N, C-alpha and C. Protein backbone atom coordinates (compact mmCIF):
# COMPACT_ATOMS: atom_id res chain seq x y z
N PRO A 1 -6.65 -1.84 6.42
CA PRO A 1 -7.65 -2.44 7.30
C PRO A 1 -7.11 -2.63 8.70
N ASP A 2 -8.00 -2.71 9.65
CA ASP A 2 -7.60 -2.92 11.02
C ASP A 2 -7.00 -4.32 11.19
N GLY A 3 -6.10 -4.46 12.15
CA GLY A 3 -5.58 -5.78 12.47
C GLY A 3 -4.35 -6.19 11.69
N LEU A 4 -3.77 -5.28 10.87
CA LEU A 4 -2.56 -5.65 10.15
C LEU A 4 -1.39 -5.76 11.11
N PRO A 5 -0.52 -6.77 10.94
CA PRO A 5 0.66 -6.88 11.80
C PRO A 5 1.50 -5.62 11.70
N GLY A 6 1.88 -5.06 12.84
CA GLY A 6 2.70 -3.86 12.83
C GLY A 6 1.92 -2.57 12.81
N GLN A 7 0.57 -2.66 12.75
CA GLN A 7 -0.23 -1.44 12.71
C GLN A 7 -0.18 -0.70 14.04
N THR A 8 0.02 -1.43 15.11
CA THR A 8 0.19 -0.84 16.44
C THR A 8 1.44 -1.43 17.06
N ALA A 9 1.94 -0.77 18.11
CA ALA A 9 3.14 -1.28 18.78
C ALA A 9 2.90 -2.68 19.31
N GLU A 10 1.69 -2.92 19.81
CA GLU A 10 1.36 -4.23 20.37
C GLU A 10 1.37 -5.32 19.29
N SER A 11 0.73 -5.04 18.16
CA SER A 11 0.68 -6.04 17.10
C SER A 11 2.05 -6.26 16.47
N ALA A 12 2.87 -5.21 16.45
CA ALA A 12 4.23 -5.35 15.93
C ALA A 12 5.03 -6.29 16.81
N ALA A 13 4.89 -6.11 18.12
CA ALA A 13 5.62 -6.97 19.06
C ALA A 13 5.18 -8.42 18.91
N GLU A 14 3.87 -8.63 18.76
CA GLU A 14 3.34 -9.98 18.61
C GLU A 14 3.85 -10.65 17.34
N ALA A 15 4.03 -9.84 16.28
CA ALA A 15 4.48 -10.38 15.00
C ALA A 15 6.00 -10.40 14.87
N GLY A 16 6.68 -9.92 15.91
CA GLY A 16 8.14 -9.90 15.86
C GLY A 16 8.69 -8.84 14.94
N ILE A 17 7.93 -7.76 14.73
CA ILE A 17 8.36 -6.66 13.86
C ILE A 17 9.01 -5.57 14.72
N ALA A 18 10.24 -5.21 14.38
CA ALA A 18 10.93 -4.18 15.15
C ALA A 18 10.34 -2.81 14.85
N VAL A 19 10.10 -2.02 15.89
CA VAL A 19 9.62 -0.65 15.74
C VAL A 19 10.81 0.27 15.96
N ILE A 20 11.24 0.96 14.91
CA ILE A 20 12.43 1.81 15.03
C ILE A 20 12.09 3.27 15.31
N ALA A 21 10.81 3.63 15.21
CA ALA A 21 10.34 4.96 15.57
C ALA A 21 8.84 4.86 15.77
N ALA A 22 8.40 5.10 16.99
CA ALA A 22 6.99 4.87 17.32
C ALA A 22 6.07 5.99 16.86
N ASP A 23 6.53 7.24 16.94
CA ASP A 23 5.63 8.36 16.71
C ASP A 23 6.03 9.28 15.55
N SER A 24 7.12 8.99 14.88
CA SER A 24 7.58 9.88 13.82
C SER A 24 8.44 9.11 12.83
N VAL A 25 8.90 9.82 11.82
CA VAL A 25 9.81 9.21 10.85
C VAL A 25 11.17 9.01 11.52
N PRO A 26 11.82 7.87 11.32
CA PRO A 26 13.12 7.64 11.96
C PRO A 26 14.18 8.64 11.47
N ALA A 27 15.11 8.97 12.34
CA ALA A 27 16.21 9.83 11.95
C ALA A 27 17.07 9.12 10.90
N LYS A 28 17.82 9.89 10.15
CA LYS A 28 18.65 9.35 9.07
C LYS A 28 19.51 8.19 9.54
N GLU A 29 20.22 8.37 10.64
CA GLU A 29 21.14 7.36 11.12
C GLU A 29 20.42 6.06 11.50
N VAL A 30 19.24 6.21 12.06
CA VAL A 30 18.46 5.03 12.46
C VAL A 30 18.01 4.25 11.22
N THR A 31 17.53 4.96 10.22
CA THR A 31 17.08 4.29 8.99
C THR A 31 18.23 3.59 8.29
N ILE A 32 19.35 4.28 8.14
CA ILE A 32 20.51 3.70 7.46
C ILE A 32 21.02 2.47 8.20
N ALA A 33 20.95 2.52 9.53
CA ALA A 33 21.47 1.42 10.35
C ALA A 33 20.70 0.12 10.17
N GLN A 34 19.49 0.20 9.61
CA GLN A 34 18.69 -1.01 9.41
C GLN A 34 19.21 -1.88 8.27
N ALA A 35 20.09 -1.30 7.43
CA ALA A 35 20.64 -2.03 6.27
C ALA A 35 19.53 -2.69 5.45
N ALA A 36 18.49 -1.93 5.20
CA ALA A 36 17.32 -2.45 4.47
C ALA A 36 17.61 -2.55 2.97
N ASP A 37 16.90 -3.45 2.32
CA ASP A 37 16.98 -3.55 0.86
C ASP A 37 16.00 -2.58 0.21
N LEU A 38 14.88 -2.35 0.89
CA LEU A 38 13.81 -1.52 0.34
C LEU A 38 13.24 -0.65 1.46
N VAL A 39 13.04 0.64 1.16
CA VAL A 39 12.46 1.56 2.14
C VAL A 39 11.21 2.18 1.52
N LEU A 40 10.06 1.88 2.12
CA LEU A 40 8.78 2.39 1.62
C LEU A 40 8.39 3.65 2.36
N ALA A 41 7.82 4.61 1.63
CA ALA A 41 7.36 5.85 2.24
C ALA A 41 6.07 6.29 1.56
N PRO A 42 5.14 6.88 2.31
CA PRO A 42 3.88 7.33 1.71
C PRO A 42 4.00 8.61 0.89
N THR A 43 5.01 9.46 1.23
CA THR A 43 5.18 10.73 0.50
C THR A 43 6.67 11.06 0.43
N THR A 44 6.99 12.15 -0.25
CA THR A 44 8.38 12.61 -0.34
C THR A 44 8.86 13.20 0.99
N TYR A 45 7.92 13.58 1.85
CA TYR A 45 8.28 14.18 3.13
C TYR A 45 9.21 13.28 3.93
N GLU A 46 8.97 11.99 3.91
CA GLU A 46 9.76 11.06 4.70
C GLU A 46 11.21 10.94 4.24
N PHE A 47 11.55 11.59 3.12
CA PHE A 47 12.91 11.57 2.61
C PHE A 47 13.55 12.96 2.62
N GLN A 48 13.05 13.87 3.43
CA GLN A 48 13.55 15.24 3.45
C GLN A 48 14.76 15.38 4.37
N ALA A 49 15.85 15.87 3.80
CA ALA A 49 17.09 16.05 4.56
C ALA A 49 16.94 17.11 5.64
N ASP A 50 16.19 18.19 5.35
CA ASP A 50 16.07 19.28 6.32
C ASP A 50 15.26 18.88 7.55
N GLU A 51 14.61 17.72 7.50
CA GLU A 51 13.88 17.21 8.65
C GLU A 51 14.73 16.20 9.44
N GLY A 52 15.92 15.95 8.91
CA GLY A 52 16.80 14.99 9.58
C GLY A 52 16.58 13.56 9.13
N PHE A 53 15.86 13.37 8.01
CA PHE A 53 15.56 12.03 7.52
C PHE A 53 16.57 11.61 6.45
N ALA A 54 16.68 10.34 6.22
CA ALA A 54 17.53 9.83 5.14
C ALA A 54 16.88 10.19 3.81
N THR A 55 17.66 10.73 2.89
CA THR A 55 17.14 11.08 1.57
C THR A 55 17.20 9.87 0.65
N GLU A 56 16.62 10.01 -0.52
CA GLU A 56 16.68 8.93 -1.51
C GLU A 56 18.13 8.63 -1.89
N LYS A 57 18.95 9.70 -2.00
CA LYS A 57 20.36 9.51 -2.32
C LYS A 57 21.10 8.81 -1.19
N ASP A 58 20.76 9.17 0.06
CA ASP A 58 21.38 8.51 1.21
C ASP A 58 21.09 7.01 1.19
N LEU A 59 19.85 6.68 0.91
CA LEU A 59 19.44 5.28 0.91
C LEU A 59 20.11 4.51 -0.23
N ALA A 60 20.16 5.13 -1.41
CA ALA A 60 20.80 4.48 -2.55
C ALA A 60 22.27 4.22 -2.26
N ALA A 61 22.92 5.19 -1.62
CA ALA A 61 24.34 5.03 -1.28
C ALA A 61 24.55 3.91 -0.28
N ALA A 62 23.51 3.65 0.53
CA ALA A 62 23.60 2.59 1.53
C ALA A 62 23.13 1.24 0.98
N GLY A 63 22.78 1.22 -0.30
CA GLY A 63 22.37 -0.04 -0.92
C GLY A 63 20.90 -0.35 -0.83
N ALA A 64 20.10 0.64 -0.43
CA ALA A 64 18.65 0.44 -0.31
C ALA A 64 17.92 1.12 -1.47
N VAL A 65 16.79 0.56 -1.83
CA VAL A 65 15.96 1.15 -2.88
C VAL A 65 14.80 1.91 -2.22
N PRO A 66 14.70 3.22 -2.44
CA PRO A 66 13.58 3.97 -1.86
C PRO A 66 12.35 3.87 -2.76
N TYR A 67 11.18 3.73 -2.16
CA TYR A 67 9.93 3.66 -2.93
C TYR A 67 8.93 4.62 -2.31
N ILE A 68 8.43 5.55 -3.12
CA ILE A 68 7.40 6.49 -2.69
C ILE A 68 6.08 6.04 -3.27
N ALA A 69 5.06 5.95 -2.44
CA ALA A 69 3.73 5.55 -2.91
C ALA A 69 3.30 6.45 -4.06
N ALA A 70 2.55 5.88 -4.99
CA ALA A 70 2.14 6.61 -6.19
C ALA A 70 1.49 7.94 -5.87
N GLY A 71 0.65 7.97 -4.87
CA GLY A 71 -0.04 9.21 -4.53
C GLY A 71 0.80 10.19 -3.75
N GLY A 72 2.01 9.78 -3.36
CA GLY A 72 2.86 10.65 -2.56
C GLY A 72 3.93 11.36 -3.35
N CYS A 73 3.99 11.10 -4.64
CA CYS A 73 4.99 11.77 -5.47
C CYS A 73 4.71 13.27 -5.53
N LYS A 74 5.77 14.06 -5.64
CA LYS A 74 5.65 15.51 -5.55
C LYS A 74 4.69 16.10 -6.58
N ASP A 75 4.73 15.57 -7.81
CA ASP A 75 3.86 16.13 -8.85
C ASP A 75 2.41 15.69 -8.71
N ARG A 76 2.13 14.83 -7.72
CA ARG A 76 0.77 14.39 -7.48
C ARG A 76 0.19 15.02 -6.21
N ARG A 77 0.87 16.02 -5.69
CA ARG A 77 0.54 16.58 -4.39
C ARG A 77 -0.95 16.92 -4.23
N THR A 78 -1.53 17.52 -5.26
CA THR A 78 -2.94 17.93 -5.15
C THR A 78 -3.86 17.14 -6.07
N SER A 79 -3.39 16.02 -6.58
CA SER A 79 -4.24 15.24 -7.48
C SER A 79 -4.23 13.75 -7.15
N ARG A 80 -4.05 13.44 -5.88
CA ARG A 80 -4.04 12.04 -5.46
C ARG A 80 -5.40 11.40 -5.69
N SER A 81 -5.39 10.12 -5.92
CA SER A 81 -6.61 9.41 -6.28
C SER A 81 -6.71 8.07 -5.57
N VAL A 82 -7.94 7.60 -5.42
CA VAL A 82 -8.13 6.26 -4.85
C VAL A 82 -7.56 5.20 -5.79
N GLN A 83 -7.35 5.56 -7.05
CA GLN A 83 -6.77 4.62 -8.01
C GLN A 83 -5.28 4.41 -7.77
N ASP A 84 -4.64 5.31 -7.02
CA ASP A 84 -3.20 5.17 -6.76
C ASP A 84 -2.88 3.87 -6.05
N THR A 85 -3.81 3.39 -5.25
CA THR A 85 -3.60 2.13 -4.53
C THR A 85 -3.36 0.99 -5.51
N LEU A 86 -4.04 1.03 -6.64
CA LEU A 86 -3.88 -0.02 -7.65
C LEU A 86 -2.47 0.00 -8.23
N THR A 87 -1.93 1.20 -8.43
CA THR A 87 -0.57 1.33 -8.94
C THR A 87 0.42 0.71 -7.97
N ASP A 88 0.23 1.00 -6.69
CA ASP A 88 1.14 0.45 -5.68
C ASP A 88 1.00 -1.07 -5.56
N LEU A 89 -0.22 -1.56 -5.65
CA LEU A 89 -0.43 -3.01 -5.59
C LEU A 89 0.30 -3.71 -6.74
N GLU A 90 0.18 -3.16 -7.93
CA GLU A 90 0.83 -3.77 -9.09
C GLU A 90 2.35 -3.73 -8.95
N THR A 91 2.87 -2.57 -8.55
CA THR A 91 4.32 -2.41 -8.43
C THR A 91 4.89 -3.28 -7.33
N LEU A 92 4.30 -3.22 -6.14
CA LEU A 92 4.84 -3.99 -5.02
C LEU A 92 4.59 -5.49 -5.18
N GLY A 93 3.52 -5.83 -5.87
CA GLY A 93 3.29 -7.25 -6.16
C GLY A 93 4.42 -7.82 -7.00
N ALA A 94 4.88 -7.01 -7.96
CA ALA A 94 5.99 -7.44 -8.82
C ALA A 94 7.29 -7.48 -8.03
N VAL A 95 7.51 -6.46 -7.19
CA VAL A 95 8.75 -6.39 -6.39
C VAL A 95 8.90 -7.60 -5.48
N PHE A 96 7.81 -8.00 -4.84
CA PHE A 96 7.87 -9.09 -3.87
C PHE A 96 7.54 -10.46 -4.48
N GLY A 97 7.31 -10.48 -5.79
CA GLY A 97 7.07 -11.76 -6.45
C GLY A 97 5.73 -12.38 -6.10
N VAL A 98 4.74 -11.56 -5.82
CA VAL A 98 3.40 -12.06 -5.47
C VAL A 98 2.36 -11.40 -6.38
N THR A 99 2.64 -11.43 -7.66
CA THR A 99 1.78 -10.77 -8.64
C THR A 99 0.34 -11.28 -8.58
N ASP A 100 0.18 -12.59 -8.47
CA ASP A 100 -1.17 -13.16 -8.43
C ASP A 100 -1.97 -12.64 -7.24
N ARG A 101 -1.33 -12.61 -6.08
CA ARG A 101 -2.01 -12.12 -4.88
C ARG A 101 -2.34 -10.64 -5.02
N ALA A 102 -1.43 -9.87 -5.61
CA ALA A 102 -1.66 -8.45 -5.82
C ALA A 102 -2.84 -8.24 -6.76
N GLN A 103 -2.94 -9.06 -7.78
CA GLN A 103 -4.05 -8.95 -8.72
C GLN A 103 -5.38 -9.28 -8.06
N GLU A 104 -5.36 -10.25 -7.15
CA GLU A 104 -6.57 -10.59 -6.40
C GLU A 104 -7.03 -9.42 -5.55
N LEU A 105 -6.09 -8.80 -4.86
CA LEU A 105 -6.41 -7.65 -4.02
C LEU A 105 -6.91 -6.48 -4.87
N ALA A 106 -6.29 -6.29 -6.03
CA ALA A 106 -6.69 -5.21 -6.92
C ALA A 106 -8.11 -5.42 -7.43
N ALA A 107 -8.43 -6.66 -7.76
CA ALA A 107 -9.78 -6.97 -8.25
C ALA A 107 -10.81 -6.73 -7.15
N ASP A 108 -10.48 -7.11 -5.93
CA ASP A 108 -11.39 -6.87 -4.80
C ASP A 108 -11.57 -5.38 -4.57
N TYR A 109 -10.49 -4.64 -4.66
CA TYR A 109 -10.52 -3.19 -4.46
C TYR A 109 -11.40 -2.52 -5.52
N ARG A 110 -11.18 -2.90 -6.78
CA ARG A 110 -12.00 -2.33 -7.87
C ARG A 110 -13.48 -2.67 -7.66
N GLY A 111 -13.74 -3.89 -7.21
CA GLY A 111 -15.11 -4.31 -6.97
C GLY A 111 -15.79 -3.46 -5.92
N ARG A 112 -15.05 -3.13 -4.86
CA ARG A 112 -15.61 -2.29 -3.80
C ARG A 112 -15.89 -0.88 -4.31
N LEU A 113 -14.97 -0.35 -5.11
CA LEU A 113 -15.19 0.97 -5.68
C LEU A 113 -16.42 0.98 -6.59
N ASP A 114 -16.58 -0.08 -7.37
CA ASP A 114 -17.74 -0.18 -8.26
C ASP A 114 -19.05 -0.27 -7.47
N GLU A 115 -19.02 -1.01 -6.36
CA GLU A 115 -20.22 -1.13 -5.53
C GLU A 115 -20.64 0.23 -4.97
N VAL A 116 -19.65 0.99 -4.51
CA VAL A 116 -19.95 2.31 -3.96
C VAL A 116 -20.46 3.24 -5.06
N ALA A 117 -19.82 3.18 -6.23
CA ALA A 117 -20.25 4.03 -7.34
C ALA A 117 -21.70 3.74 -7.72
N THR A 118 -22.08 2.49 -7.70
CA THR A 118 -23.47 2.11 -8.02
C THR A 118 -24.42 2.64 -6.94
N ALA A 119 -23.99 2.53 -5.69
CA ALA A 119 -24.84 2.94 -4.58
C ALA A 119 -25.11 4.44 -4.56
N VAL A 120 -24.12 5.25 -4.96
CA VAL A 120 -24.29 6.71 -4.90
C VAL A 120 -24.61 7.32 -6.26
N GLY A 121 -24.68 6.48 -7.28
CA GLY A 121 -24.94 6.97 -8.63
C GLY A 121 -26.24 7.75 -8.72
N GLY A 122 -26.19 8.93 -9.33
CA GLY A 122 -27.39 9.74 -9.53
C GLY A 122 -27.74 10.64 -8.36
N ALA A 123 -27.09 10.46 -7.22
CA ALA A 123 -27.38 11.28 -6.05
C ALA A 123 -26.65 12.62 -6.14
N THR A 124 -27.22 13.65 -5.56
CA THR A 124 -26.57 14.95 -5.52
C THR A 124 -25.40 14.90 -4.56
N PRO A 125 -24.19 15.27 -5.00
CA PRO A 125 -23.02 15.19 -4.12
C PRO A 125 -23.21 16.02 -2.85
N VAL A 126 -22.76 15.47 -1.74
CA VAL A 126 -22.81 16.17 -0.46
C VAL A 126 -21.59 17.09 -0.35
N ARG A 127 -21.81 18.36 0.00
CA ARG A 127 -20.71 19.31 0.15
C ARG A 127 -19.97 19.02 1.46
N VAL A 128 -18.70 18.67 1.32
CA VAL A 128 -17.92 18.20 2.47
C VAL A 128 -16.71 19.10 2.73
N ALA A 129 -16.53 19.42 4.00
CA ALA A 129 -15.31 20.11 4.43
C ALA A 129 -14.41 19.07 5.07
N GLU A 130 -13.20 18.92 4.54
CA GLU A 130 -12.24 17.99 5.11
C GLU A 130 -11.21 18.78 5.90
N VAL A 131 -11.09 18.47 7.17
CA VAL A 131 -10.16 19.22 8.02
C VAL A 131 -9.24 18.25 8.76
N PHE A 132 -8.03 18.73 8.99
CA PHE A 132 -7.03 17.95 9.70
C PHE A 132 -6.67 18.68 10.98
N VAL A 133 -6.78 18.03 12.11
CA VAL A 133 -6.48 18.63 13.40
C VAL A 133 -5.05 18.26 13.79
N TRP A 134 -4.19 19.27 13.89
CA TRP A 134 -2.80 19.05 14.25
C TRP A 134 -2.52 19.85 15.51
N GLY A 135 -2.67 19.21 16.67
CA GLY A 135 -2.53 19.94 17.92
C GLY A 135 -3.66 20.95 18.04
N SER A 136 -3.28 22.23 18.16
CA SER A 136 -4.29 23.30 18.25
C SER A 136 -4.61 23.91 16.90
N ASP A 137 -3.93 23.44 15.86
CA ASP A 137 -4.12 23.98 14.51
C ASP A 137 -5.12 23.13 13.74
N ILE A 138 -6.03 23.80 13.04
CA ILE A 138 -7.01 23.10 12.21
C ILE A 138 -6.78 23.52 10.77
N GLN A 139 -6.49 22.57 9.91
CA GLN A 139 -6.19 22.86 8.52
C GLN A 139 -7.23 22.22 7.60
N SER A 140 -7.54 22.92 6.51
CA SER A 140 -8.49 22.42 5.53
C SER A 140 -7.73 21.73 4.40
N LEU A 141 -8.31 20.66 3.89
CA LEU A 141 -7.71 19.92 2.77
C LEU A 141 -8.38 20.30 1.46
N ALA A 142 -7.55 20.49 0.43
CA ALA A 142 -8.09 20.76 -0.90
C ALA A 142 -7.70 19.68 -1.89
N GLY A 143 -6.62 18.99 -1.63
CA GLY A 143 -6.20 17.94 -2.56
C GLY A 143 -5.44 16.84 -1.84
N SER A 144 -5.98 15.65 -1.83
CA SER A 144 -5.30 14.49 -1.25
C SER A 144 -6.10 13.26 -1.63
N SER A 145 -5.60 12.10 -1.28
CA SER A 145 -6.36 10.88 -1.57
C SER A 145 -7.68 10.89 -0.80
N ASN A 146 -7.70 11.58 0.35
CA ASN A 146 -8.95 11.68 1.11
C ASN A 146 -10.02 12.43 0.33
N VAL A 147 -9.60 13.47 -0.40
CA VAL A 147 -10.55 14.24 -1.19
C VAL A 147 -11.18 13.36 -2.26
N ASP A 148 -10.36 12.57 -2.94
CA ASP A 148 -10.90 11.68 -3.97
C ASP A 148 -11.72 10.56 -3.36
N LEU A 149 -11.37 10.16 -2.15
CA LEU A 149 -12.14 9.14 -1.44
C LEU A 149 -13.55 9.65 -1.15
N VAL A 150 -13.63 10.89 -0.71
CA VAL A 150 -14.93 11.51 -0.46
C VAL A 150 -15.72 11.60 -1.77
N LYS A 151 -15.05 11.97 -2.84
CA LYS A 151 -15.72 12.06 -4.14
C LYS A 151 -16.27 10.70 -4.57
N ALA A 152 -15.46 9.67 -4.37
CA ALA A 152 -15.89 8.32 -4.76
C ALA A 152 -17.09 7.86 -3.94
N ALA A 153 -17.21 8.42 -2.72
CA ALA A 153 -18.32 8.04 -1.84
C ALA A 153 -19.54 8.93 -2.00
N GLY A 154 -19.50 9.82 -2.99
CA GLY A 154 -20.66 10.67 -3.24
C GLY A 154 -20.59 12.06 -2.66
N GLY A 155 -19.40 12.48 -2.25
CA GLY A 155 -19.23 13.81 -1.70
C GLY A 155 -18.48 14.74 -2.64
N GLN A 156 -18.41 16.00 -2.26
CA GLN A 156 -17.66 16.99 -3.04
C GLN A 156 -16.97 17.94 -2.08
N ASN A 157 -15.65 18.01 -2.17
CA ASN A 157 -14.92 18.92 -1.29
C ASN A 157 -15.32 20.36 -1.58
N ILE A 158 -15.47 21.16 -0.53
CA ILE A 158 -15.90 22.55 -0.71
C ILE A 158 -14.82 23.43 -1.30
N PHE A 159 -13.57 22.93 -1.33
CA PHE A 159 -12.47 23.70 -1.92
C PHE A 159 -11.90 22.96 -3.12
N ALA A 160 -11.68 23.70 -4.20
CA ALA A 160 -11.09 23.11 -5.40
C ALA A 160 -9.59 22.95 -5.22
N ASN A 161 -9.00 21.98 -5.93
CA ASN A 161 -7.56 21.74 -5.83
C ASN A 161 -6.74 22.97 -6.19
N ASP A 162 -7.26 23.81 -7.09
CA ASP A 162 -6.50 24.98 -7.55
C ASP A 162 -6.89 26.26 -6.83
N ASP A 163 -7.58 26.15 -5.70
CA ASP A 163 -7.96 27.34 -4.93
C ASP A 163 -6.70 28.10 -4.54
N PRO A 164 -6.59 29.39 -4.90
CA PRO A 164 -5.36 30.15 -4.63
C PRO A 164 -5.01 30.28 -3.15
N ARG A 165 -5.99 30.09 -2.27
CA ARG A 165 -5.71 30.19 -0.84
C ARG A 165 -4.84 29.05 -0.34
N PHE A 166 -4.68 28.01 -1.15
CA PHE A 166 -3.88 26.86 -0.76
C PHE A 166 -2.46 26.92 -1.32
N GLY A 167 -2.22 27.86 -2.21
CA GLY A 167 -0.87 28.06 -2.73
C GLY A 167 -0.23 26.83 -3.34
N GLY A 168 -1.03 26.01 -4.00
CA GLY A 168 -0.49 24.81 -4.62
C GLY A 168 -0.27 23.65 -3.66
N MET A 169 -0.60 23.85 -2.39
CA MET A 169 -0.46 22.79 -1.39
C MET A 169 -1.81 22.09 -1.23
N MET A 170 -1.80 20.95 -0.52
CA MET A 170 -3.06 20.23 -0.35
C MET A 170 -3.79 20.63 0.93
N PHE A 171 -3.20 21.54 1.72
CA PHE A 171 -3.87 21.97 2.95
C PHE A 171 -3.54 23.44 3.23
N ALA A 172 -4.36 24.08 4.04
CA ALA A 172 -4.15 25.47 4.43
C ALA A 172 -4.89 25.74 5.73
N SER A 173 -4.34 26.65 6.52
CA SER A 173 -5.00 27.05 7.76
C SER A 173 -5.99 28.16 7.42
N LEU A 174 -7.26 27.85 7.46
CA LEU A 174 -8.30 28.81 7.14
C LEU A 174 -9.17 29.05 8.36
N SER A 175 -9.71 30.24 8.45
CA SER A 175 -10.52 30.59 9.61
C SER A 175 -11.87 29.87 9.59
N PRO A 176 -12.50 29.73 10.76
CA PRO A 176 -13.84 29.12 10.82
C PRO A 176 -14.84 29.88 9.95
N GLU A 177 -14.65 31.20 9.83
CA GLU A 177 -15.55 32.01 9.02
C GLU A 177 -15.47 31.64 7.54
N VAL A 178 -14.23 31.38 7.08
CA VAL A 178 -14.04 30.99 5.68
C VAL A 178 -14.71 29.64 5.42
N LEU A 179 -14.53 28.72 6.37
CA LEU A 179 -15.15 27.40 6.24
C LEU A 179 -16.68 27.52 6.21
N ALA A 180 -17.23 28.31 7.14
CA ALA A 180 -18.68 28.46 7.23
C ALA A 180 -19.26 29.10 5.97
N ALA A 181 -18.50 30.01 5.36
CA ALA A 181 -18.98 30.69 4.16
C ALA A 181 -19.16 29.74 2.98
N GLN A 182 -18.48 28.59 3.02
CA GLN A 182 -18.60 27.61 1.95
C GLN A 182 -19.82 26.70 2.13
N ALA A 183 -20.52 26.88 3.24
CA ALA A 183 -21.75 26.13 3.54
C ALA A 183 -21.59 24.61 3.40
N PRO A 184 -20.64 24.01 4.13
CA PRO A 184 -20.49 22.54 4.07
C PRO A 184 -21.69 21.85 4.70
N GLU A 185 -22.06 20.72 4.13
CA GLU A 185 -23.16 19.92 4.67
C GLU A 185 -22.66 18.83 5.61
N ALA A 186 -21.36 18.57 5.54
CA ALA A 186 -20.77 17.53 6.39
C ALA A 186 -19.28 17.84 6.57
N PHE A 187 -18.72 17.31 7.65
CA PHE A 187 -17.30 17.46 7.93
C PHE A 187 -16.66 16.08 8.03
N VAL A 188 -15.44 15.97 7.52
CA VAL A 188 -14.62 14.79 7.70
C VAL A 188 -13.37 15.23 8.44
N PHE A 189 -13.16 14.69 9.63
CA PHE A 189 -12.03 15.06 10.45
C PHE A 189 -10.95 13.99 10.42
N SER A 190 -9.70 14.43 10.29
CA SER A 190 -8.54 13.57 10.50
C SER A 190 -7.71 14.21 11.60
N ALA A 191 -6.95 13.40 12.31
CA ALA A 191 -6.15 13.93 13.42
C ALA A 191 -4.81 13.22 13.50
N ASP A 192 -3.83 13.90 14.12
CA ASP A 192 -2.50 13.34 14.23
C ASP A 192 -2.36 12.42 15.44
N SER A 193 -3.38 12.40 16.30
CA SER A 193 -3.31 11.56 17.49
C SER A 193 -4.70 11.36 18.06
N ALA A 194 -4.84 10.38 18.93
CA ALA A 194 -6.13 10.12 19.58
C ALA A 194 -6.54 11.33 20.43
N GLU A 195 -5.54 11.99 21.04
CA GLU A 195 -5.83 13.14 21.88
C GLU A 195 -6.42 14.28 21.06
N SER A 196 -5.82 14.54 19.87
CA SER A 196 -6.34 15.60 19.01
C SER A 196 -7.74 15.26 18.52
N ALA A 197 -7.97 13.99 18.23
CA ALA A 197 -9.28 13.57 17.73
C ALA A 197 -10.37 13.83 18.78
N GLU A 198 -10.04 13.59 20.04
CA GLU A 198 -11.01 13.82 21.12
C GLU A 198 -11.28 15.30 21.30
């Protein structure tokens, strides 16, 4: 949700949260230097050595516990779900000793999903093209939590998770002609920056 402490550089400063990398994943040395007890990451990408990031082994050797969000695990690459949030709430609630609060949030989350399911129940799914704008490159999504989010809201991604054009990945660079041939009724755009979004 909007307004979380640390969600922007300004709110981080107001909350006294140190920002160790504003626009990207911190370099290995920067992450290790924080002497953290726990390092959270949304996917396995943030722990890739070939990108210059601290790996899970690097963190363990430094005394930190790495945690990858449920939907970011490698074997879940193309099957992420809106339910993954519940797994993370349960796990992190236990880690931080706030199980009751985590259960409250989980119940609220389930309630919202149920409300949406009731609202769209029986309606014909809307054919949706999900695209990610990365600079000048436009990529189509076939499998991610966003895809399941669209499904939960009454939509249907125009590409199946096992579409061979994606090569087992959750995104692919496809031509406008390929997208148009799928006859999407709506588009969902994500972007890596405000500039790309514009």
